[in-house]
Amino acid sequence: MTQAAHLVLQNALSLDEKDRALLAAVLLESLESDQDEGVEDAWLLEVQRRVAELDSGGTKTIPLETAMSQLRKRIVGNAGN
């Protein structure tokens, strides 16, 4: 890490949590590549498809606690593999 980057890091770490989070988000966004052009559009279409599926009754929701419990069981079950 260059001296300039180290100084920026020290200053950034002295910020409050909200400002650090905003700074991190802006830095991450600056690293996003143009090669992923169209990904946002694809996600928007997927979200719209899923909302339509929910609205039509084609998909049913489950409580978060149930989903988390099912995921934990899968993780524990796969831990021995």
PDB file of N, CA and C in Angstrom:
ATOM      1  N   MET A   1       0.861  -1.171   0.000  1.00  0.00           N
ATOM      2  CA  MET A   1       0.000   0.000   0.000  1.00  0.00           C
ATOM      3  C   MET A   1       0.903   1.229   0.000  1.00  0.00           C
ATOM      4  N   THR A   2       0.583   2.166  -0.865  1.00  0.00           N
ATOM      5  CA  THR A   2       1.381   3.391  -0.931  1.00  0.00           C
ATOM      6  C   THR A   2       1.150   4.233   0.320  1.00  0.00           C
ATOM      7  N   GLN A   3       2.054   5.160   0.547  1.00  0.00           N
ATOM      8  CA  GLN A   3       1.925   6.048   1.699  1.00  0.00           C
ATOM      9  C   GLN A   3       0.646   6.880   1.592  1.00  0.00           C
ATOM     10  N   ALA A   4       0.322   7.318   0.379  1.00  0.00           N
ATOM     11  CA  ALA A   4      -0.902   8.107   0.173  1.00  0.00           C
ATOM     12  C   ALA A   4      -2.142   7.276   0.506  1.00  0.00           C
ATOM     13  N   ALA A   5      -2.151   6.023   0.054  1.00  0.00           N
ATOM     14  CA  ALA A   5      -3.289   5.148   0.339  1.00  0.00           C
ATOM     15  C   ALA A   5      -3.393   4.872   1.835  1.00  0.00           C
ATOM     16  N   HIS A   6      -2.253   4.679   2.479  1.00  0.00           N
ATOM     17  CA  HIS A   6      -2.258   4.425   3.924  1.00  0.00           C
ATOM     18  C   HIS A   6      -2.822   5.624   4.680  1.00  0.00           C
ATOM     19  N   LEU A   7      -2.462   6.820   4.254  1.00  0.00           N
ATOM     20  CA  LEU A   7      -2.973   8.038   4.889  1.00  0.00           C
ATOM     21  C   LEU A   7      -4.488   8.152   4.691  1.00  0.00           C
ATOM     22  N   VAL A   8      -4.946   7.846   3.484  1.00  0.00           N
ATOM     23  CA  VAL A   8      -6.388   7.876   3.205  1.00  0.00           C
ATOM     24  C   VAL A   8      -7.103   6.857   4.085  1.00  0.00           C
ATOM     25  N   LEU A   9      -6.526   5.662   4.213  1.00  0.00           N
ATOM     26  CA  LEU A   9      -7.115   4.620   5.046  1.00  0.00           C
ATOM     27  C   LEU A   9      -7.208   5.062   6.494  1.00  0.00           C
ATOM     28  N   GLN A  10      -6.144   5.638   7.019  1.00  0.00           N
ATOM     29  CA  GLN A  10      -6.171   6.118   8.405  1.00  0.00           C
ATOM     30  C   GLN A  10      -7.267   7.157   8.604  1.00  0.00           C
ATOM     31  N   ASN A  11      -7.377   8.074   7.663  1.00  0.00           N
ATOM     32  CA  ASN A  11      -8.417   9.104   7.758  1.00  0.00           C
ATOM     33  C   ASN A  11      -9.809   8.491   7.647  1.00  0.00           C
ATOM     34  N   ALA A  12      -9.950   7.536   6.745  1.00  0.00           N
ATOM     35  CA  ALA A  12     -11.251   6.896   6.564  1.00  0.00           C
ATOM     36  C   ALA A  12     -11.670   6.151   7.826  1.00  0.00           C
ATOM     37  N   LEU A  13     -10.729   5.475   8.454  1.00  0.00           N
ATOM     38  CA  LEU A  13     -11.056   4.717   9.668  1.00  0.00           C
ATOM     39  C   LEU A  13     -11.428   5.615  10.846  1.00  0.00           C
ATOM     40  N   SER A  14     -11.083   6.878  10.760  1.00  0.00           N
ATOM     41  CA  SER A  14     -11.440   7.804  11.843  1.00  0.00           C
ATOM     42  C   SER A  14     -12.857   8.367  11.673  1.00  0.00           C
ATOM     43  N   LEU A  15     -13.492   8.089  10.527  1.00  0.00           N
ATOM     44  CA  LEU A  15     -14.852   8.564  10.279  1.00  0.00           C
ATOM     45  C   LEU A  15     -15.853   7.779  11.108  1.00  0.00           C
ATOM     46  N   ASP A  16     -17.041   8.355  11.297  1.00  0.00           N
ATOM     47  CA  ASP A  16     -18.089   7.608  11.998  1.00  0.00           C
ATOM     48  C   ASP A  16     -18.609   6.501  11.077  1.00  0.00           C
ATOM     49  N   GLU A  17     -19.373   5.589  11.654  1.00  0.00           N
ATOM     50  CA  GLU A  17     -19.820   4.397  10.926  1.00  0.00           C
ATOM     51  C   GLU A  17     -20.598   4.740   9.664  1.00  0.00           C
ATOM     52  N   LYS A  18     -21.476   5.721   9.750  1.00  0.00           N
ATOM     53  CA  LYS A  18     -22.299   6.089   8.590  1.00  0.00           C
ATOM     54  C   LYS A  18     -21.426   6.592   7.439  1.00  0.00           C
ATOM     55  N   ASP A  19     -20.468   7.443   7.749  1.00  0.00           N
ATOM     56  CA  ASP A  19     -19.597   7.976   6.704  1.00  0.00           C
ATOM     57  C   ASP A  19     -18.677   6.891   6.135  1.00  0.00           C
ATOM     58  N   ARG A  20     -18.188   5.979   6.985  1.00  0.00           N
ATOM     59  CA  ARG A  20     -17.361   4.873   6.488  1.00  0.00           C
ATOM     60  C   ARG A  20     -18.152   3.988   5.544  1.00  0.00           C
ATOM     61  N   ALA A  21     -19.411   3.718   5.893  1.00  0.00           N
ATOM     62  CA  ALA A  21     -20.255   2.880   5.035  1.00  0.00           C
ATOM     63  C   ALA A  21     -20.489   3.554   3.689  1.00  0.00           C
ATOM     64  N   LEU A  22     -20.758   4.842   3.710  1.00  0.00           N
ATOM     65  CA  LEU A  22     -20.975   5.582   2.459  1.00  0.00           C
ATOM     66  C   LEU A  22     -19.704   5.587   1.617  1.00  0.00           C
ATOM     67  N   LEU A  23     -18.576   5.822   2.260  1.00  0.00           N
ATOM     68  CA  LEU A  23     -17.298   5.823   1.553  1.00  0.00           C
ATOM     69  C   LEU A  23     -17.016   4.454   0.940  1.00  0.00           C
ATOM     70  N   ALA A  24     -17.264   3.398   1.693  1.00  0.00           N
ATOM     71  CA  ALA A  24     -17.048   2.040   1.188  1.00  0.00           C
ATOM     72  C   ALA A  24     -17.936   1.771  -0.025  1.00  0.00           C
ATOM     73  N   ALA A  25     -19.181   2.185   0.046  1.00  0.00           N
ATOM     74  CA  ALA A  25     -20.106   1.970  -1.066  1.00  0.00           C
ATOM     75  C   ALA A  25     -19.636   2.710  -2.319  1.00  0.00           C
ATOM     76  N   VAL A  26     -19.190   3.934  -2.143  1.00  0.00           N
ATOM     77  CA  VAL A  26     -18.721   4.722  -3.287  1.00  0.00           C
ATOM     78  C   VAL A  26     -17.461   4.096  -3.882  1.00  0.00           C
ATOM     79  N   LEU A  27     -16.545   3.641  -3.023  1.00  0.00           N
ATOM     80  CA  LEU A  27     -15.326   3.005  -3.523  1.00  0.00           C
ATOM     81  C   LEU A  27     -15.641   1.714  -4.274  1.00  0.00           C
ATOM     82  N   LEU A  28     -16.526   0.895  -3.723  1.00  0.00           N
ATOM     83  CA  LEU A  28     -16.908  -0.338  -4.409  1.00  0.00           C
ATOM     84  C   LEU A  28     -17.570  -0.057  -5.746  1.00  0.00           C
ATOM     85  N   GLU A  29     -18.432   0.940  -5.758  1.00  0.00           N
ATOM     86  CA  GLU A  29     -19.111   1.300  -7.009  1.00  0.00           C
ATOM     87  C   GLU A  29     -18.106   1.757  -8.054  1.00  0.00           C
ATOM     88  N   SER A  30     -17.040   2.426  -7.608  1.00  0.00           N
ATOM     89  CA  SER A  30     -16.032   2.912  -8.555  1.00  0.00           C
ATOM     90  C   SER A  30     -15.252   1.765  -9.189  1.00  0.00           C
ATOM     91  N   LEU A  31     -15.291   0.593  -8.571  1.00  0.00           N
ATOM     92  CA  LEU A  31     -14.582  -0.570  -9.104  1.00  0.00           C
ATOM     93  C   LEU A  31     -15.417  -1.388 -10.070  1.00  0.00           C
ATOM     94  N   GLU A  32     -16.718  -1.110 -10.127  1.00  0.00           N
ATOM     95  CA  GLU A  32     -17.591  -1.862 -11.010  1.00  0.00           C
ATOM     96  C   GLU A  32     -17.177  -1.628 -12.449  1.00  0.00           C
ATOM     97  N   SER A  33     -17.153  -2.706 -13.191  1.00  0.00           N
ATOM     98  CA  SER A  33     -16.684  -2.671 -14.562  1.00  0.00           C
ATOM     99  C   SER A  33     -17.833  -2.425 -15.530  1.00  0.00           C
ATOM    100  N   ASP A  34     -17.522  -1.779 -16.626  1.00  0.00           N
ATOM    101  CA  ASP A  34     -18.520  -1.560 -17.672  1.00  0.00           C
ATOM    102  C   ASP A  34     -18.863  -2.856 -18.392  1.00  0.00           C
ATOM    103  N   GLN A  35     -18.030  -3.885 -18.238  1.00  0.00           N
ATOM    104  CA  GLN A  35     -18.293  -5.149 -18.917  1.00  0.00           C
ATOM    105  C   GLN A  35     -19.559  -5.821 -18.402  1.00  0.00           C
ATOM    106  N   ASP A  36     -20.022  -5.418 -17.235  1.00  0.00           N
ATOM    107  CA  ASP A  36     -21.246  -5.977 -16.677  1.00  0.00           C
ATOM    108  C   ASP A  36     -22.473  -5.190 -17.114  1.00  0.00           C
ATOM    109  N   GLU A  37     -22.318  -4.457 -18.194  1.00  0.00           N
ATOM    110  CA  GLU A  37     -23.418  -3.679 -18.730  1.00  0.00           C
ATOM    111  C   GLU A  37     -24.584  -4.616 -19.043  1.00  0.00           C
ATOM    112  N   GLY A  38     -25.759  -4.244 -18.646  1.00  0.00           N
ATOM    113  CA  GLY A  38     -26.911  -5.076 -18.903  1.00  0.00           C
ATOM    114  C   GLY A  38     -27.293  -5.948 -17.718  1.00  0.00           C
ATOM    115  N   VAL A  39     -26.401  -6.102 -16.752  1.00  0.00           N
ATOM    116  CA  VAL A  39     -26.698  -6.928 -15.587  1.00  0.00           C
ATOM    117  C   VAL A  39     -27.837  -6.305 -14.791  1.00  0.00           C
ATOM    118  N   GLU A  40     -27.781  -4.986 -14.629  1.00  0.00           N
ATOM    119  CA  GLU A  40     -28.857  -4.317 -13.890  1.00  0.00           C
ATOM    120  C   GLU A  40     -30.206  -4.533 -14.557  1.00  0.00           C
ATOM    121  N   ASP A  41     -30.238  -4.438 -15.881  1.00  0.00           N
ATOM    122  CA  ASP A  41     -31.477  -4.666 -16.625  1.00  0.00           C
ATOM    123  C   ASP A  41     -31.965  -6.103 -16.441  1.00  0.00           C
ATOM    124  N   ALA A  42     -31.014  -7.037 -16.464  1.00  0.00           N
ATOM    125  CA  ALA A  42     -31.389  -8.445 -16.282  1.00  0.00           C
ATOM    126  C   ALA A  42     -31.968  -8.673 -14.884  1.00  0.00           C
ATOM    127  N   TRP A  43     -31.352  -8.057 -13.868  1.00  0.00           N
ATOM    128  CA  TRP A  43     -31.883  -8.202 -12.509  1.00  0.00           C
ATOM    129  C   TRP A  43     -33.262  -7.573 -12.386  1.00  0.00           C
ATOM    130  N   LEU A  44     -33.454  -6.431 -13.020  1.00  0.00           N
ATOM    131  CA  LEU A  44     -34.763  -5.772 -12.979  1.00  0.00           C
ATOM    132  C   LEU A  44     -35.826  -6.678 -13.588  1.00  0.00           C
ATOM    133  N   LEU A  45     -35.521  -7.295 -14.713  1.00  0.00           N
ATOM    134  CA  LEU A  45     -36.471  -8.218 -15.346  1.00  0.00           C
ATOM    135  C   LEU A  45     -36.759  -9.413 -14.440  1.00  0.00           C
ATOM    136  N   GLU A  46     -35.725  -9.926 -13.772  1.00  0.00           N
ATOM    137  CA  GLU A  46     -35.904 -11.063 -12.869  1.00  0.00           C
ATOM    138  C   GLU A  46     -36.777 -10.687 -11.673  1.00  0.00           C
ATOM    139  N   VAL A  47     -36.545  -9.515 -11.121  1.00  0.00           N
ATOM    140  CA  VAL A  47     -37.364  -9.052 -10.000  1.00  0.00           C
ATOM    141  C   VAL A  47     -38.812  -8.896 -10.438  1.00  0.00           C
ATOM    142  N   GLN A  48     -39.023  -8.315 -11.598  1.00  0.00           N
ATOM    143  CA  GLN A  48     -40.387  -8.141 -12.105  1.00  0.00           C
ATOM    144  C   GLN A  48     -41.060  -9.494 -12.320  1.00  0.00           C
ATOM    145  N   ARG A  49     -40.310 -10.476 -12.844  1.00  0.00           N
ATOM    146  CA  ARG A  49     -40.854 -11.816 -13.056  1.00  0.00           C
ATOM    147  C   ARG A  49     -41.255 -12.454 -11.733  1.00  0.00           C
ATOM    148  N   ARG A  50     -40.395 -12.298 -10.731  1.00  0.00           N
ATOM    149  CA  ARG A  50     -40.680 -12.903  -9.426  1.00  0.00           C
ATOM    150  C   ARG A  50     -41.874 -12.237  -8.740  1.00  0.00           C
ATOM    151  N   VAL A  51     -41.976 -10.925  -8.868  1.00  0.00           N
ATOM    152  CA  VAL A  51     -43.121 -10.216  -8.280  1.00  0.00           C
ATOM    153  C   VAL A  51     -44.409 -10.664  -8.958  1.00  0.00           C
ATOM    154  N   ALA A  52     -44.382 -10.783 -10.271  1.00  0.00           N
ATOM    155  CA  ALA A  52     -45.568 -11.239 -11.003  1.00  0.00           C
ATOM    156  C   ALA A  52     -45.956 -12.652 -10.567  1.00  0.00           C
ATOM    157  N   GLU A  53     -44.950 -13.506 -10.348  1.00  0.00           N
ATOM    158  CA  GLU A  53     -45.212 -14.876  -9.902  1.00  0.00           C
ATOM    159  C   GLU A  53     -45.864 -14.876  -8.514  1.00  0.00           C
ATOM    160  N   LEU A  54     -45.383 -14.014  -7.640  1.00  0.00           N
ATOM    161  CA  LEU A  54     -45.985 -13.894  -6.306  1.00  0.00           C
ATOM    162  C   LEU A  54     -47.414 -13.366  -6.402  1.00  0.00           C
ATOM    163  N   ASP A  55     -47.603 -12.324  -7.213  1.00  0.00           N
ATOM    164  CA  ASP A  55     -48.929 -11.715  -7.358  1.00  0.00           C
ATOM    165  C   ASP A  55     -49.949 -12.692  -7.940  1.00  0.00           C
ATOM    166  N   SER A  56     -49.497 -13.578  -8.821  1.00  0.00           N
ATOM    167  CA  SER A  56     -50.421 -14.517  -9.458  1.00  0.00           C
ATOM    168  C   SER A  56     -50.709 -15.730  -8.580  1.00  0.00           C
ATOM    169  N   GLY A  57     -49.967 -15.853  -7.481  1.00  0.00           N
ATOM    170  CA  GLY A  57     -50.164 -17.006  -6.602  1.00  0.00           C
ATOM    171  C   GLY A  57     -49.367 -18.224  -7.033  1.00  0.00           C
ATOM    172  N   GLY A  58     -48.524 -18.077  -8.050  1.00  0.00           N
ATOM    173  CA  GLY A  58     -47.718 -19.182  -8.535  1.00  0.00           C
ATOM    174  C   GLY A  58     -46.606 -19.590  -7.584  1.00  0.00           C
ATOM    175  N   THR A  59     -46.263 -18.699  -6.689  1.00  0.00           N
ATOM    176  CA  THR A  59     -45.230 -18.971  -5.695  1.00  0.00           C
ATOM    177  C   THR A  59     -45.768 -18.579  -4.334  1.00  0.00           C
ATOM    178  N   LYS A  60     -45.440 -19.389  -3.343  1.00  0.00           N
ATOM    179  CA  LYS A  60     -45.871 -19.084  -1.980  1.00  0.00           C
ATOM    180  C   LYS A  60     -44.659 -18.693  -1.154  1.00  0.00           C
ATOM    181  N   THR A  61     -44.873 -17.803  -0.222  1.00  0.00           N
ATOM    182  CA  THR A  61     -43.797 -17.368   0.658  1.00  0.00           C
ATOM    183  C   THR A  61     -43.821 -18.192   1.940  1.00  0.00           C
ATOM    184  N   ILE A  62     -42.684 -18.185   2.620  1.00  0.00           N
ATOM    185  CA  ILE A  62     -42.607 -18.814   3.941  1.00  0.00           C
ATOM    186  C   ILE A  62     -41.969 -17.803   4.890  1.00  0.00           C
ATOM    187  N   PRO A  63     -42.246 -17.926   6.182  1.00  0.00           N
ATOM    188  CA  PRO A  63     -41.639 -16.996   7.137  1.00  0.00           C
ATOM    189  C   PRO A  63     -40.109 -17.102   7.136  1.00  0.00           C
ATOM    190  N   LEU A  64     -39.436 -16.009   7.419  1.00  0.00           N
ATOM    191  CA  LEU A  64     -37.983 -15.974   7.454  1.00  0.00           C
ATOM    192  C   LEU A  64     -37.423 -17.037   8.395  1.00  0.00           C
ATOM    193  N   GLU A  65     -38.043 -17.198   9.555  1.00  0.00           N
ATOM    194  CA  GLU A  65     -37.553 -18.167  10.534  1.00  0.00           C
ATOM    195  C   GLU A  65     -37.547 -19.584   9.942  1.00  0.00           C
ATOM    196  N   THR A  66     -38.576 -19.914   9.178  1.00  0.00           N
ATOM    197  CA  THR A  66     -38.666 -21.227   8.546  1.00  0.00           C
ATOM    198  C   THR A  66     -37.572 -21.393   7.507  1.00  0.00           C
ATOM    199  N   ALA A  67     -37.363 -20.371   6.688  1.00  0.00           N
ATOM    200  CA  ALA A  67     -36.328 -20.422   5.655  1.00  0.00           C
ATOM    201  C   ALA A  67     -34.947 -20.582   6.287  1.00  0.00           C
ATOM    202  N   MET A  68     -34.676 -19.815   7.341  1.00  0.00           N
ATOM    203  CA  MET A  68     -33.380 -19.895   8.009  1.00  0.00           C
ATOM    204  C   MET A  68     -33.171 -21.271   8.621  1.00  0.00           C
ATOM    205  N   SER A  69     -34.205 -21.832   9.212  1.00  0.00           N
ATOM    206  CA  SER A  69     -34.119 -23.160   9.803  1.00  0.00           C
ATOM    207  C   SER A  69     -33.798 -24.202   8.728  1.00  0.00           C
ATOM    208  N   GLN A  70     -34.463 -24.109   7.587  1.00  0.00           N
ATOM    209  CA  GLN A  70     -34.217 -25.039   6.490  1.00  0.00           C
ATOM    210  C   GLN A  70     -32.786 -24.907   5.969  1.00  0.00           C
ATOM    211  N   LEU A  71     -32.296 -23.679   5.858  1.00  0.00           N
ATOM    212  CA  LEU A  71     -30.928 -23.462   5.398  1.00  0.00           C
ATOM    213  C   LEU A  71     -29.915 -24.033   6.380  1.00  0.00           C
ATOM    214  N   ARG A  72     -30.151 -23.817   7.674  1.00  0.00           N
ATOM    215  CA  ARG A  72     -29.244 -24.361   8.684  1.00  0.00           C
ATOM    216  C   ARG A  72     -29.181 -25.882   8.589  1.00  0.00           C
ATOM    217  N   LYS A  73     -30.323 -26.522   8.403  1.00  0.00           N
ATOM    218  CA  LYS A  73     -30.350 -27.979   8.281  1.00  0.00           C
ATOM    219  C   LYS A  73     -29.564 -28.440   7.058  1.00  0.00           C
ATOM    220  N   ARG A  74     -29.696 -27.723   5.951  1.00  0.00           N
ATOM    221  CA  ARG A  74     -28.944 -28.083   4.734  1.00  0.00           C
ATOM    222  C   ARG A  74     -27.457 -27.930   4.945  1.00  0.00           C
ATOM    223  N   ILE A  75     -27.064 -26.842   5.603  1.00  0.00           N
ATOM    224  CA  ILE A  75     -25.644 -26.578   5.835  1.00  0.00           C
ATOM    225  C   ILE A  75     -25.055 -27.658   6.744  1.00  0.00           C
ATOM    226  N   VAL A  76     -25.735 -27.951   7.819  1.00  0.00           N
ATOM    227  CA  VAL A  76     -25.262 -28.969   8.743  1.00  0.00           C
ATOM    228  C   VAL A  76     -25.220 -30.338   8.057  1.00  0.00           C
ATOM    229  N   GLY A  77     -26.232 -30.628   7.255  1.00  0.00           N
ATOM    230  CA  GLY A  77     -26.282 -31.896   6.528  1.00  0.00           C
ATOM    231  C   GLY A  77     -25.172 -32.033   5.502  1.00  0.00           C
ATOM    232  N   ASN A  78     -24.744 -30.918   4.921  1.00  0.00           N
ATOM    233  CA  ASN A  78     -23.688 -30.938   3.896  1.00  0.00           C
ATOM    234  C   ASN A  78     -22.292 -30.768   4.480  1.00  0.00           C
ATOM    235  N   ALA A  79     -22.215 -30.487   5.779  1.00  0.00           N
ATOM    236  CA  ALA A  79     -20.910 -30.228   6.397  1.00  0.00           C
ATOM    237  C   ALA A  79     -20.026 -31.469   6.374  1.00  0.00           C
ATOM    238  N   GLY A  80     -20.613 -32.655   6.367  1.00  0.00           N
ATOM    239  CA  GLY A  80     -19.826 -33.883   6.365  1.00  0.00           C
ATOM    240  C   GLY A  80     -19.327 -34.305   5.000  1.00  0.00           C
ATOM    241  N   ASN A  81     -19.731 -33.598   3.951  1.00  0.00           N
ATOM    242  CA  ASN A  81     -19.330 -33.973   2.575  1.00  0.00           C
ATOM    243  C   ASN A  81     -17.950 -33.520   2.236  1.00  0.00           C
TER     244      ASN A  81
END
